[in-house]
PDB file of N, CA and C in Angstrom:
ATOM      1  N   MET A   1     113.211 109.774  96.292  1.00  0.00           N
ATOM      2  CA  MET A   1     113.834 108.516  95.922  1.00  0.00           C
ATOM      3  C   MET A   1     114.969 108.217  96.902  1.00  0.00           C
ATOM      4  N   ASN A   2     115.009 106.988  97.342  1.00  0.00           N
ATOM      5  CA  ASN A   2     116.000 106.568  98.311  1.00  0.00           C
ATOM      6  C   ASN A   2     117.013 105.657  97.616  1.00  0.00           C
ATOM      7  N   PHE A   3     118.285 106.073  97.611  1.00  0.00           N
ATOM      8  CA  PHE A   3     119.324 105.299  96.929  1.00  0.00           C
ATOM      9  C   PHE A   3     119.476 103.906  97.538  1.00  0.00           C
ATOM     10  N   LYS A   4     119.334 103.788  98.839  1.00  0.00           N
ATOM     11  CA  LYS A   4     119.480 102.501  99.511  1.00  0.00           C
ATOM     12  C   LYS A   4     118.415 101.515  99.013  1.00  0.00           C
ATOM     13  N   ASN A   5     117.177 101.999  98.810  1.00  0.00           N
ATOM     14  CA  ASN A   5     116.099 101.143  98.288  1.00  0.00           C
ATOM     15  C   ASN A   5     116.409 100.692  96.865  1.00  0.00           C
ATOM     16  N   ILE A   6     116.853 101.624  96.038  1.00  0.00           N
ATOM     17  CA  ILE A   6     117.168 101.306  94.643  1.00  0.00           C
ATOM     18  C   ILE A   6     118.314 100.301  94.566  1.00  0.00           C
ATOM     19  N   ALA A   7     119.340 100.516  95.357  1.00  0.00           N
ATOM     20  CA  ALA A   7     120.491  99.605  95.373  1.00  0.00           C
ATOM     21  C   ALA A   7     120.077  98.216  95.855  1.00  0.00           C
ATOM     22  N   SER A   8     119.222  98.172  96.860  1.00  0.00           N
ATOM     23  CA  SER A   8     118.762  96.889  97.394  1.00  0.00           C
ATOM     24  C   SER A   8     117.971  96.108  96.345  1.00  0.00           C
ATOM     25  N   VAL A   9     117.047  96.782  95.666  1.00  0.00           N
ATOM     26  CA  VAL A   9     116.265  96.119  94.616  1.00  0.00           C
ATOM     27  C   VAL A   9     117.192  95.646  93.499  1.00  0.00           C
ATOM     28  N   ALA A  10     118.182  96.463  93.142  1.00  0.00           N
ATOM     29  CA  ALA A  10     119.111  96.100  92.065  1.00  0.00           C
ATOM     30  C   ALA A  10     119.943  94.876  92.433  1.00  0.00           C
ATOM     31  N   VAL A  11     120.516  94.870  93.627  1.00  0.00           N
ATOM     32  CA  VAL A  11     121.385  93.758  94.038  1.00  0.00           C
ATOM     33  C   VAL A  11     120.573  92.471  94.179  1.00  0.00           C
ATOM     34  N   PHE A  12     119.461  92.548  94.919  1.00  0.00           N
ATOM     35  CA  PHE A  12     118.642  91.349  95.089  1.00  0.00           C
ATOM     36  C   PHE A  12     118.003  90.922  93.770  1.00  0.00           C
ATOM     37  N   GLY A  13     117.644  91.885  92.925  1.00  0.00           N
ATOM     38  CA  GLY A  13     117.083  91.574  91.611  1.00  0.00           C
ATOM     39  C   GLY A  13     118.080  90.838  90.736  1.00  0.00           C
ATOM     40  N   PHE A  14     119.337  91.232  90.820  1.00  0.00           N
ATOM     41  CA  PHE A  14     120.389  90.550  90.072  1.00  0.00           C
ATOM     42  C   PHE A  14     120.482  89.086  90.511  1.00  0.00           C
ATOM     43  N   ILE A  15     120.470  88.866  91.816  1.00  0.00           N
ATOM     44  CA  ILE A  15     120.567  87.505  92.354  1.00  0.00           C
ATOM     45  C   ILE A  15     119.354  86.677  91.923  1.00  0.00           C
ATOM     46  N   GLY A  16     118.153  87.238  92.063  1.00  0.00           N
ATOM     47  CA  GLY A  16     116.938  86.520  91.672  1.00  0.00           C
ATOM     48  C   GLY A  16     116.911  86.207  90.191  1.00  0.00           C
ATOM     49  N   GLY A  17     117.361  87.155  89.369  1.00  0.00           N
ATOM     50  CA  GLY A  17     117.399  86.936  87.928  1.00  0.00           C
ATOM     51  C   GLY A  17     118.361  85.829  87.526  1.00  0.00           C
ATOM     52  N   ILE A  18     119.520  85.800  88.164  1.00  0.00           N
ATOM     53  CA  ILE A  18     120.501  84.741  87.887  1.00  0.00           C
ATOM     54  C   ILE A  18     119.949  83.380  88.308  1.00  0.00           C
ATOM     55  N   LEU A  19     119.345  83.314  89.494  1.00  0.00           N
ATOM     56  CA  LEU A  19     118.752  82.046  89.946  1.00  0.00           C
ATOM     57  C   LEU A  19     117.655  81.581  88.985  1.00  0.00           C
ATOM     58  N   ARG A  20     116.841  82.521  88.537  1.00  0.00           N
ATOM     59  CA  ARG A  20     115.763  82.216  87.586  1.00  0.00           C
ATOM     60  C   ARG A  20     116.338  81.655  86.284  1.00  0.00           C
ATOM     61  N   TYR A  21     117.372  82.299  85.790  1.00  0.00           N
ATOM     62  CA  TYR A  21     118.018  81.862  84.558  1.00  0.00           C
ATOM     63  C   TYR A  21     118.573  80.434  84.703  1.00  0.00           C
ATOM     64  N   LEU A  22     119.276  80.175  85.796  1.00  0.00           N
ATOM     65  CA  LEU A  22     119.887  78.865  86.006  1.00  0.00           C
ATOM     66  C   LEU A  22     118.843  77.755  86.087  1.00  0.00           C
ATOM     67  N   LEU A  23     117.763  77.998  86.817  1.00  0.00           N
ATOM     68  CA  LEU A  23     116.721  76.977  86.910  1.00  0.00           C
ATOM     69  C   LEU A  23     116.045  76.748  85.558  1.00  0.00           C
ATOM     70  N   GLY A  24     115.909  77.803  84.761  1.00  0.00           N
ATOM     71  CA  GLY A  24     115.358  77.654  83.413  1.00  0.00           C
ATOM     72  C   GLY A  24     116.264  76.823  82.528  1.00  0.00           C
ATOM     73  N   VAL A  25     117.566  77.014  82.645  1.00  0.00           N
ATOM     74  CA  VAL A  25     118.532  76.231  81.862  1.00  0.00           C
ATOM     75  C   VAL A  25     118.519  74.769  82.310  1.00  0.00           C
ATOM     76  N   TRP A  26     118.510  74.549  83.603  1.00  0.00           N
ATOM     77  CA  TRP A  26     118.578  73.186  84.130  1.00  0.00           C
ATOM     78  C   TRP A  26     117.281  72.395  83.925  1.00  0.00           C
ATOM     79  N   PHE A  27     116.120  73.072  83.987  1.00  0.00           N
ATOM     80  CA  PHE A  27     114.855  72.343  83.992  1.00  0.00           C
ATOM     81  C   PHE A  27     113.900  72.707  82.859  1.00  0.00           C
ATOM     82  N   ASP A  28     114.310  73.536  81.903  1.00  0.00           N
ATOM     83  CA  ASP A  28     113.497  73.912  80.743  1.00  0.00           C
ATOM     84  C   ASP A  28     112.141  74.460  81.197  1.00  0.00           C
ATOM     85  N   PHE A  29     111.028  73.958  80.647  1.00  0.00           N
ATOM     86  CA  PHE A  29     109.703  74.464  81.017  1.00  0.00           C
ATOM     87  C   PHE A  29     109.431  74.280  82.504  1.00  0.00           C
ATOM     88  N   ASN A  30     109.917  73.182  83.046  1.00  0.00           N
ATOM     89  CA  ASN A  30     109.684  72.902  84.456  1.00  0.00           C
ATOM     90  C   ASN A  30     110.408  73.891  85.369  1.00  0.00           C
ATOM     91  N   GLY A  31     111.426  74.556  84.864  1.00  0.00           N
ATOM     92  CA  GLY A  31     112.100  75.596  85.642  1.00  0.00           C
ATOM     93  C   GLY A  31     111.159  76.732  85.983  1.00  0.00           C
ATOM     94  N   THR A  32     110.266  77.065  85.056  1.00  0.00           N
ATOM     95  CA  THR A  32     109.284  78.120  85.309  1.00  0.00           C
ATOM     96  C   THR A  32     108.321  77.695  86.408  1.00  0.00           C
ATOM     97  N   ILE A  33     107.880  76.449  86.381  1.00  0.00           N
ATOM     98  CA  ILE A  33     107.004  75.946  87.448  1.00  0.00           C
ATOM     99  C   ILE A  33     107.732  76.037  88.783  1.00  0.00           C
ATOM    100  N   ILE A  34     108.961  75.581  88.818  1.00  0.00           N
ATOM    101  CA  ILE A  34     109.729  75.572  90.066  1.00  0.00           C
ATOM    102  C   ILE A  34     109.878  76.984  90.621  1.00  0.00           C
ATOM    103  N   VAL A  35     110.318  77.928  89.795  1.00  0.00           N
ATOM    104  CA  VAL A  35     110.546  79.280  90.326  1.00  0.00           C
ATOM    105  C   VAL A  35     109.242  79.935  90.760  1.00  0.00           C
ATOM    106  N   ASN A  36     108.168  79.703  90.037  1.00  0.00           N
ATOM    107  CA  ASN A  36     106.907  80.341  90.414  1.00  0.00           C
ATOM    108  C   ASN A  36     106.309  79.742  91.680  1.00  0.00           C
ATOM    109  N   VAL A  37     106.364  78.434  91.825  1.00  0.00           N
ATOM    110  CA  VAL A  37     105.826  77.801  93.028  1.00  0.00           C
ATOM    111  C   VAL A  37     106.694  78.140  94.241  1.00  0.00           C
ATOM    112  N   VAL A  38     108.001  78.054  94.088  1.00  0.00           N
ATOM    113  CA  VAL A  38     108.909  78.429  95.179  1.00  0.00           C
ATOM    114  C   VAL A  38     108.762  79.914  95.496  1.00  0.00           C
ATOM    115  N   GLY A  39     108.630  80.730  94.472  1.00  0.00           N
ATOM    116  CA  GLY A  39     108.453  82.168  94.672  1.00  0.00           C
ATOM    117  C   GLY A  39     107.174  82.497  95.420  1.00  0.00           C
ATOM    118  N   CYS A  40     106.087  81.786  95.127  1.00  0.00           N
ATOM    119  CA  CYS A  40     104.827  81.980  95.856  1.00  0.00           C
ATOM    120  C   CYS A  40     105.022  81.684  97.338  1.00  0.00           C
ATOM    121  N   PHE A  41     105.715  80.599  97.623  1.00  0.00           N
ATOM    122  CA  PHE A  41     105.986  80.249  99.015  1.00  0.00           C
ATOM    123  C   PHE A  41     106.840  81.327  99.683  1.00  0.00           C
ATOM    124  N   LEU A  42     107.938  81.694  99.028  1.00  0.00           N
ATOM    125  CA  LEU A  42     108.871  82.647  99.634  1.00  0.00           C
ATOM    126  C   LEU A  42     108.252  84.019  99.872  1.00  0.00           C
ATOM    127  N   LEU A  43     107.492  84.512  98.912  1.00  0.00           N
ATOM    128  CA  LEU A  43     106.881  85.826  99.081  1.00  0.00           C
ATOM    129  C   LEU A  43     105.869  85.813 100.218  1.00  0.00           C
ATOM    130  N   ALA A  44     105.042  84.766 100.282  1.00  0.00           N
ATOM    131  CA  ALA A  44     104.069  84.666 101.378  1.00  0.00           C
ATOM    132  C   ALA A  44     104.783  84.494 102.711  1.00  0.00           C
ATOM    133  N   PHE A  45     105.801  83.644 102.737  1.00  0.00           N
ATOM    134  CA  PHE A  45     106.547  83.431 103.981  1.00  0.00           C
ATOM    135  C   PHE A  45     107.162  84.739 104.471  1.00  0.00           C
ATOM    136  N   LEU A  46     107.886  85.411 103.600  1.00  0.00           N
ATOM    137  CA  LEU A  46     108.539  86.663 103.999  1.00  0.00           C
ATOM    138  C   LEU A  46     107.532  87.717 104.444  1.00  0.00           C
ATOM    139  N   THR A  47     106.451  87.848 103.717  1.00  0.00           N
ATOM    140  CA  THR A  47     105.438  88.845 104.054  1.00  0.00           C
ATOM    141  C   THR A  47     104.877  88.597 105.445  1.00  0.00           C
ATOM    142  N   TYR A  48     104.447  87.382 105.713  1.00  0.00           N
ATOM    143  CA  TYR A  48     103.827  87.087 107.003  1.00  0.00           C
ATOM    144  C   TYR A  48     104.849  86.972 108.127  1.00  0.00           C
ATOM    145  N   PHE A  49     106.028  86.514 107.823  1.00  0.00           N
ATOM    146  CA  PHE A  49     107.088  86.481 108.829  1.00  0.00           C
ATOM    147  C   PHE A  49     107.413  87.901 109.293  1.00  0.00           C
ATOM    148  N   LEU A  50     107.567  88.796 108.341  1.00  0.00           N
ATOM    149  CA  LEU A  50     107.915  90.176 108.681  1.00  0.00           C
ATOM    150  C   LEU A  50     106.765  90.904 109.372  1.00  0.00           C
ATOM    151  N   LEU A  51     105.530  90.557 109.049  1.00  0.00           N
ATOM    152  CA  LEU A  51     104.385  91.160 109.735  1.00  0.00           C
ATOM    153  C   LEU A  51     104.313  90.728 111.197  1.00  0.00           C
ATOM    154  N   GLU A  52     104.704  89.491 111.456  1.00  0.00           N
ATOM    155  CA  GLU A  52     104.603  88.948 112.815  1.00  0.00           C
ATOM    156  C   GLU A  52     105.827  89.227 113.678  1.00  0.00           C
ATOM    157  N   SER A  53     106.975  89.382 113.080  1.00  0.00           N
ATOM    158  CA  SER A  53     108.208  89.570 113.846  1.00  0.00           C
ATOM    159  C   SER A  53     108.617  91.033 113.818  1.00  0.00           C
ATOM    160  N   GLU A  54     109.738  91.286 114.405  1.00  0.00           N
ATOM    161  CA  GLU A  54     110.301  92.630 114.349  1.00  0.00           C
ATOM    162  C   GLU A  54     110.801  92.849 112.927  1.00  0.00           C
ATOM    163  N   THR A  55     110.203  93.774 112.226  1.00  0.00           N
ATOM    164  CA  THR A  55     110.520  94.009 110.827  1.00  0.00           C
ATOM    165  C   THR A  55     111.898  94.651 110.675  1.00  0.00           C
ATOM    166  N   PRO A  56     112.735  94.092 109.801  1.00  0.00           N
ATOM    167  CA  PRO A  56     114.031  94.723 109.544  1.00  0.00           C
ATOM    168  C   PRO A  56     113.849  96.015 108.739  1.00  0.00           C
ATOM    169  N   ALA A  57     114.912  96.636 108.412  1.00  0.00           N
ATOM    170  CA  ALA A  57     114.880  97.894 107.658  1.00  0.00           C
ATOM    171  C   ALA A  57     114.090  97.722 106.361  1.00  0.00           C
ATOM    172  N   SER A  58     113.377  98.773 105.968  1.00  0.00           N
ATOM    173  CA  SER A  58     112.519  98.696 104.781  1.00  0.00           C
ATOM    174  C   SER A  58     113.304  98.386 103.512  1.00  0.00           C
ATOM    175  N   TRP A  59     114.557  98.821 103.437  1.00  0.00           N
ATOM    176  CA  TRP A  59     115.335  98.553 102.228  1.00  0.00           C
ATOM    177  C   TRP A  59     115.604  97.061 102.066  1.00  0.00           C
ATOM    178  N   ILE A  60     115.676  96.326 103.179  1.00  0.00           N
ATOM    179  CA  ILE A  60     115.894  94.879 103.098  1.00  0.00           C
ATOM    180  C   ILE A  60     114.614  94.185 102.625  1.00  0.00           C
ATOM    181  N   THR A  61     113.473  94.553 103.203  1.00  0.00           N
ATOM    182  CA  THR A  61     112.218  93.920 102.788  1.00  0.00           C
ATOM    183  C   THR A  61     111.895  94.251 101.341  1.00  0.00           C
ATOM    184  N   LEU A  62     112.181  95.462 100.923  1.00  0.00           N
ATOM    185  CA  LEU A  62     111.961  95.857  99.530  1.00  0.00           C
ATOM    186  C   LEU A  62     112.884  95.073  98.595  1.00  0.00           C
ATOM    187  N   GLY A  63     114.129  94.927  98.990  1.00  0.00           N
ATOM    188  CA  GLY A  63     115.081  94.169  98.182  1.00  0.00           C
ATOM    189  C   GLY A  63     114.703  92.706  98.057  1.00  0.00           C
ATOM    190  N   LEU A  64     114.280  92.111  99.170  1.00  0.00           N
ATOM    191  CA  LEU A  64     113.899  90.695  99.145  1.00  0.00           C
ATOM    192  C   LEU A  64     112.611  90.466  98.355  1.00  0.00           C
ATOM    193  N   GLY A  65     111.592  91.282  98.612  1.00  0.00           N
ATOM    194  CA  GLY A  65     110.298  91.085  97.952  1.00  0.00           C
ATOM    195  C   GLY A  65     110.297  91.504  96.495  1.00  0.00           C
ATOM    196  N   THR A  66     110.555  92.779  96.261  1.00  0.00           N
ATOM    197  CA  THR A  66     110.512  93.307  94.893  1.00  0.00           C
ATOM    198  C   THR A  66     111.721  92.872  94.084  1.00  0.00           C
ATOM    199  N   GLY A  67     112.904  92.916  94.681  1.00  0.00           N
ATOM    200  CA  GLY A  67     114.128  92.577  93.953  1.00  0.00           C
ATOM    201  C   GLY A  67     114.288  91.092  93.727  1.00  0.00           C
ATOM    202  N   LEU A  68     114.526  90.362  94.806  1.00  0.00           N
ATOM    203  CA  LEU A  68     114.835  88.936  94.702  1.00  0.00           C
ATOM    204  C   LEU A  68     113.660  88.129  94.149  1.00  0.00           C
ATOM    205  N   ILE A  69     112.534  88.183  94.829  1.00  0.00           N
ATOM    206  CA  ILE A  69     111.414  87.345  94.423  1.00  0.00           C
ATOM    207  C   ILE A  69     110.755  87.882  93.153  1.00  0.00           C
ATOM    208  N   GLY A  70     110.725  89.203  93.007  1.00  0.00           N
ATOM    209  CA  GLY A  70     110.156  89.788  91.792  1.00  0.00           C
ATOM    210  C   GLY A  70     110.903  89.398  90.536  1.00  0.00           C
ATOM    211  N   SER A  71     112.219  89.312  90.632  1.00  0.00           N
ATOM    212  CA  SER A  71     113.001  88.919  89.447  1.00  0.00           C
ATOM    213  C   SER A  71     113.108  87.403  89.318  1.00  0.00           C
ATOM    214  N   PHE A  72     112.900  86.691  90.410  1.00  0.00           N
ATOM    215  CA  PHE A  72     112.983  85.235  90.413  1.00  0.00           C
ATOM    216  C   PHE A  72     111.749  84.613  89.763  1.00  0.00           C
ATOM    217  N   THR A  73     110.570  85.125  90.092  1.00  0.00           N
ATOM    218  CA  THR A  73     109.332  84.588  89.529  1.00  0.00           C
ATOM    219  C   THR A  73     108.998  85.292  88.227  1.00  0.00           C
ATOM    220  N   THR A  74     108.171  84.655  87.423  1.00  0.00           N
ATOM    221  CA  THR A  74     107.879  85.257  86.126  1.00  0.00           C
ATOM    222  C   THR A  74     106.557  84.778  85.559  1.00  0.00           C
ATOM    223  N   PHE A  75     105.585  85.648  85.543  1.00  0.00           N
ATOM    224  CA  PHE A  75     104.291  85.326  84.961  1.00  0.00           C
ATOM    225  C   PHE A  75     104.381  85.281  83.439  1.00  0.00           C
ATOM    226  N   SER A  76     105.175  86.167  82.877  1.00  0.00           N
ATOM    227  CA  SER A  76     105.288  86.213  81.421  1.00  0.00           C
ATOM    228  C   SER A  76     105.894  84.925  80.862  1.00  0.00           C
ATOM    229  N   SER A  77     106.897  84.379  81.524  1.00  0.00           N
ATOM    230  CA  SER A  77     107.472  83.105  81.069  1.00  0.00           C
ATOM    231  C   SER A  77     106.475  81.974  81.217  1.00  0.00           C
ATOM    232  N   PHE A  78     105.704  82.004  82.286  1.00  0.00           N
ATOM    233  CA  PHE A  78     104.657  81.010  82.497  1.00  0.00           C
ATOM    234  C   PHE A  78     103.681  81.012  81.308  1.00  0.00           C
ATOM    235  N   CYS A  79     103.235  82.185  80.916  1.00  0.00           N
ATOM    236  CA  CYS A  79     102.296  82.303  79.791  1.00  0.00           C
ATOM    237  C   CYS A  79     102.938  81.878  78.474  1.00  0.00           C
ATOM    238  N   LEU A  80     104.158  82.333  78.224  1.00  0.00           N
ATOM    239  CA  LEU A  80     104.846  81.973  76.989  1.00  0.00           C
ATOM    240  C   LEU A  80     105.126  80.474  76.928  1.00  0.00           C
ATOM    241  N   ASP A  81     105.559  79.889  78.037  1.00  0.00           N
ATOM    242  CA  ASP A  81     105.790  78.444  78.057  1.00  0.00           C
ATOM    243  C   ASP A  81     104.512  77.680  77.751  1.00  0.00           C
ATOM    244  N   THR A  82     103.386  78.150  78.282  1.00  0.00           N
ATOM    245  CA  THR A  82     102.103  77.493  78.013  1.00  0.00           C
ATOM    246  C   THR A  82     101.797  77.519  76.518  1.00  0.00           C
ATOM    247  N   VAL A  83     102.038  78.656  75.874  1.00  0.00           N
ATOM    248  CA  VAL A  83     101.816  78.775  74.433  1.00  0.00           C
ATOM    249  C   VAL A  83     102.767  77.852  73.664  1.00  0.00           C
ATOM    250  N   LYS A  84     104.028  77.816  74.064  1.00  0.00           N
ATOM    251  CA  LYS A  84     105.000  76.937  73.387  1.00  0.00           C
ATOM    252  C   LYS A  84     104.600  75.468  73.515  1.00  0.00           C
ATOM    253  N   ILE A  85     104.159  75.067  74.703  1.00  0.00           N
ATOM    254  CA  ILE A  85     103.743  73.681  74.926  1.00  0.00           C
ATOM    255  C   ILE A  85     102.524  73.358  74.057  1.00  0.00           C
ATOM    256  N   ALA A  86     101.601  74.303  73.962  1.00  0.00           N
ATOM    257  CA  ALA A  86     100.415  74.104  73.117  1.00  0.00           C
ATOM    258  C   ALA A  86     100.820  73.945  71.652  1.00  0.00           C
ATOM    259  N   GLU A  87     101.781  74.746  71.196  1.00  0.00           N
ATOM    260  CA  GLU A  87     102.254  74.636  69.809  1.00  0.00           C
ATOM    261  C   GLU A  87     102.884  73.282  69.522  1.00  0.00           C
ATOM    262  N   LEU A  88     103.460  72.667  70.534  1.00  0.00           N
ATOM    263  CA  LEU A  88     104.059  71.343  70.379  1.00  0.00           C
ATOM    264  C   LEU A  88     103.001  70.237  70.456  1.00  0.00           C
ATOM    265  N   HIS A  89     101.748  70.627  70.644  1.00  0.00           N
ATOM    266  CA  HIS A  89     100.614  69.696  70.732  1.00  0.00           C
ATOM    267  C   HIS A  89     100.766  68.728  71.905  1.00  0.00           C
ATOM    268  N   LEU A  90     101.355  69.208  72.977  1.00  0.00           N
ATOM    269  CA  LEU A  90     101.509  68.411  74.192  1.00  0.00           C
ATOM    270  C   LEU A  90     100.392  68.810  75.162  1.00  0.00           C
ATOM    271  N   HIS A  91      99.169  68.502  74.782  1.00  0.00           N
ATOM    272  CA  HIS A  91      97.999  69.003  75.506  1.00  0.00           C
ATOM    273  C   HIS A  91      97.886  68.447  76.924  1.00  0.00           C
ATOM    274  N   THR A  92      98.195  67.195  77.111  1.00  0.00           N
ATOM    275  CA  THR A  92      98.146  66.622  78.461  1.00  0.00           C
ATOM    276  C   THR A  92      99.192  67.292  79.347  1.00  0.00           C
ATOM    277  N   TYR A  93     100.385  67.459  78.791  1.00  0.00           N
ATOM    278  CA  TYR A  93     101.453  68.144  79.546  1.00  0.00           C
ATOM    279  C   TYR A  93     101.057  69.589  79.841  1.00  0.00           C
ATOM    280  N   MET A  94     100.423  70.257  78.887  1.00  0.00           N
ATOM    281  CA  MET A  94     100.016  71.633  79.084  1.00  0.00           C
ATOM    282  C   MET A  94      99.005  71.749  80.222  1.00  0.00           C
ATOM    283  N   ILE A  95      98.035  70.843  80.261  1.00  0.00           N
ATOM    284  CA  ILE A  95      97.045  70.870  81.341  1.00  0.00           C
ATOM    285  C   ILE A  95      97.725  70.608  82.684  1.00  0.00           C
ATOM    286  N   ALA A  96      98.628  69.634  82.725  1.00  0.00           N
ATOM    287  CA  ALA A  96      99.368  69.353  83.960  1.00  0.00           C
ATOM    288  C   ALA A  96     100.210  70.559  84.364  1.00  0.00           C
ATOM    289  N   TYR A  97     100.835  71.194  83.383  1.00  0.00           N
ATOM    290  CA  TYR A  97     101.659  72.388  83.626  1.00  0.00           C
ATOM    291  C   TYR A  97     100.827  73.503  84.253  1.00  0.00           C
ATOM    292  N   LEU A  98      99.643  73.733  83.702  1.00  0.00           N
ATOM    293  CA  LEU A  98      98.758  74.768  84.223  1.00  0.00           C
ATOM    294  C   LEU A  98      98.274  74.433  85.634  1.00  0.00           C
ATOM    295  N   VAL A  99      97.844  73.195  85.835  1.00  0.00           N
ATOM    296  CA  VAL A  99      97.322  72.788  87.145  1.00  0.00           C
ATOM    297  C   VAL A  99      98.409  72.846  88.210  1.00  0.00           C
ATOM    298  N   VAL A 100      99.575  72.284  87.904  1.00  0.00           N
ATOM    299  CA  VAL A 100     100.669  72.299  88.884  1.00  0.00           C
ATOM    300  C   VAL A 100     101.087  73.737  89.198  1.00  0.00           C
ATOM    301  N   SER A 101     101.162  74.573  88.181  1.00  0.00           N
ATOM    302  CA  SER A 101     101.563  75.962  88.391  1.00  0.00           C
ATOM    303  C   SER A 101     100.561  76.725  89.244  1.00  0.00           C
ATOM    304  N   ILE A 102      99.298  76.625  88.903  1.00  0.00           N
ATOM    305  CA  ILE A 102      98.282  77.416  89.601  1.00  0.00           C
ATOM    306  C   ILE A 102      97.968  76.840  90.977  1.00  0.00           C
ATOM    307  N   VAL A 103      97.631  75.562  91.027  1.00  0.00           N
ATOM    308  CA  VAL A 103      97.296  74.952  92.312  1.00  0.00           C
ATOM    309  C   VAL A 103      98.540  74.907  93.208  1.00  0.00           C
ATOM    310  N   GLY A 104      99.667  74.545  92.622  1.00  0.00           N
ATOM    311  CA  GLY A 104     100.912  74.520  93.397  1.00  0.00           C
ATOM    312  C   GLY A 104     101.280  75.900  93.931  1.00  0.00           C
ATOM    313  N   GLY A 105     101.048  76.921  93.129  1.00  0.00           N
ATOM    314  CA  GLY A 105     101.329  78.281  93.572  1.00  0.00           C
ATOM    315  C   GLY A 105     100.474  78.694  94.751  1.00  0.00           C
ATOM    316  N   TYR A 106      99.178  78.422  94.656  1.00  0.00           N
ATOM    317  CA  TYR A 106      98.278  78.761  95.760  1.00  0.00           C
ATOM    318  C   TYR A 106      98.605  77.963  97.021  1.00  0.00           C
ATOM    319  N   LEU A 107      98.854  76.660  96.875  1.00  0.00           N
ATOM    320  CA  LEU A 107      99.196  75.848  98.044  1.00  0.00           C
ATOM    321  C   LEU A 107     100.518  76.303  98.669  1.00  0.00           C
ATOM    322  N   SER A 108     101.475  76.635  97.829  1.00  0.00           N
ATOM    323  CA  SER A 108     102.760  77.126  98.339  1.00  0.00           C
ATOM    324  C   SER A 108     102.598  78.451  99.069  1.00  0.00           C
ATOM    325  N   ALA A 109     101.789  79.344  98.515  1.00  0.00           N
ATOM    326  CA  ALA A 109     101.544  80.631  99.182  1.00  0.00           C
ATOM    327  C   ALA A 109     100.849  80.408 100.518  1.00  0.00           C
ATOM    328  N   PHE A 110      99.887  79.492 100.556  1.00  0.00           N
ATOM    329  CA  PHE A 110      99.186  79.201 101.800  1.00  0.00           C
ATOM    330  C   PHE A 110     100.155  78.644 102.847  1.00  0.00           C
ATOM    331  N   CYS A 111     100.984  77.685 102.441  1.00  0.00           N
ATOM    332  CA  CYS A 111     101.971  77.112 103.363  1.00  0.00           C
ATOM    333  C   CYS A 111     102.983  78.164 103.809  1.00  0.00           C
ATOM    334  N   GLY A 112     103.409  79.006 102.886  1.00  0.00           N
ATOM    335  CA  GLY A 112     104.328  80.083 103.234  1.00  0.00           C
ATOM    336  C   GLY A 112     103.726  81.045 104.237  1.00  0.00           C
ATOM    337  N   MET A 113     102.439  81.370 104.071  1.00  0.00           N
ATOM    338  CA  MET A 113     101.741  82.252 105.001  1.00  0.00           C
ATOM    339  C   MET A 113     101.704  81.626 106.395  1.00  0.00           C
ATOM    340  N   LYS A 114     101.293  80.365 106.464  1.00  0.00           N
ATOM    341  CA  LYS A 114     101.192  79.688 107.762  1.00  0.00           C
ATOM    342  C   LYS A 114     102.556  79.585 108.446  1.00  0.00           C
ATOM    343  N   LEU A 115     103.559  79.154 107.700  1.00  0.00           N
ATOM    344  CA  LEU A 115     104.891  78.998 108.281  1.00  0.00           C
ATOM    345  C   LEU A 115     105.498  80.351 108.632  1.00  0.00           C
ATOM    346  N   GLY A 116     105.257  81.368 107.809  1.00  0.00           N
ATOM    347  CA  GLY A 116     105.755  82.710 108.100  1.00  0.00           C
ATOM    348  C   GLY A 116     105.161  83.275 109.371  1.00  0.00           C
ATOM    349  N   ARG A 117     103.851  83.118 109.548  1.00  0.00           N
ATOM    350  CA  ARG A 117     103.197  83.577 110.783  1.00  0.00           C
ATOM    351  C   ARG A 117     103.761  82.857 111.997  1.00  0.00           C
ATOM    352  N   LEU A 118     103.842  81.537 111.893  1.00  0.00           N
ATOM    353  CA  LEU A 118     104.344  80.733 112.996  1.00  0.00           C
ATOM    354  C   LEU A 118     105.782  81.115 113.345  1.00  0.00           C
ATOM    355  N   SER A 119     106.620  81.228 112.342  1.00  0.00           N
ATOM    356  CA  SER A 119     108.029  81.583 112.570  1.00  0.00           C
ATOM    357  C   SER A 119     108.170  82.992 113.120  1.00  0.00           C
ATOM    358  N   GLY A 120     107.396  83.931 112.591  1.00  0.00           N
ATOM    359  CA  GLY A 120     107.456  85.307 113.057  1.00  0.00           C
ATOM    360  C   GLY A 120     107.024  85.441 114.497  1.00  0.00           C
ATOM    361  N   ARG A 121     105.948  84.762 114.869  1.00  0.00           N
ATOM    362  CA  ARG A 121     105.478  84.794 116.261  1.00  0.00           C
ATOM    363  C   ARG A 121     106.492  84.152 117.186  1.00  0.00           C
ATOM    364  N   SER A 122     107.066  83.052 116.732  1.00  0.00           N
ATOM    365  CA  SER A 122     108.075  82.358 117.536  1.00  0.00           C
ATOM    366  C   SER A 122     109.292  83.239 117.754  1.00  0.00           C
ATOM    367  N   MET A 123     109.720  83.938 116.704  1.00  0.00           N
ATOM    368  CA  MET A 123     110.881  84.817 116.836  1.00  0.00           C
ATOM    369  C   MET A 123     110.566  85.990 117.766  1.00  0.00           C
ATOM    370  N   LYS A 124     109.356  86.523 117.662  1.00  0.00           N
ATOM    371  CA  LYS A 124     108.959  87.642 118.514  1.00  0.00           C
ATOM    372  C   LYS A 124     108.975  87.212 119.982  1.00  0.00           C
ATOM    373  N   ARG A 125     108.450  86.012 120.267  1.00  0.00           N
ATOM    374  CA  ARG A 125     108.462  85.504 121.641  1.00  0.00           C
ATOM    375  C   ARG A 125     109.886  85.292 122.126  1.00  0.00           C
ATOM    376  N   GLY A 126     110.750  84.811 121.237  1.00  0.00           N
ATOM    377  CA  GLY A 126     112.142  84.573 121.610  1.00  0.00           C
ATOM    378  C   GLY A 126     112.889  85.860 121.937  1.00  0.00           C
ATOM    379  N   ASN A 127     112.547  86.961 121.265  1.00  0.00           N
ATOM    380  CA  ASN A 127     113.193  88.259 121.523  1.00  0.00           C
ATOM    381  C   ASN A 127     112.764  88.857 122.855  1.00  0.00           C
ATOM    382  N   ARG A 128     111.618  88.465 123.375  1.00  0.00           N
ATOM    383  CA  ARG A 128     111.137  89.017 124.641  1.00  0.00           C
ATOM    384  C   ARG A 128     111.793  88.381 125.841  1.00  0.00           C
ATOM    385  N   MET A 129     112.358  87.218 125.666  1.00  0.00           N
ATOM    386  CA  MET A 129     112.934  86.487 126.810  1.00  0.00           C
ATOM    387  C   MET A 129     114.223  87.089 127.249  1.00  0.00           C
TER     388      MET A 129
END
């Protein structure tokens, strides 16, 4: 066990959890959509950016991926919100919520992957000059 890894996940996890909480307070059910779609983009971006560029220390990537984004996004809240919306008989909203969450998540991850690769390659070329 590496203390630096644990500390990194804890610190970044704290930040991601607070951001998640604030967006949930400000946007209610839509806060879950926002954090999950943004989280899909960020995780894909960071993953592909780090694969293409000079990778920083593992404790930083672990903190950002597992800590920050892991605590920021939430599948369990997504599922619970869907159930709550269904109980309110807001079926049209529930379908829109599901579609925006799932399709938006995949599109965000795809865009994050493309932009991460492009940015990582660009940074790698810039370091060689």
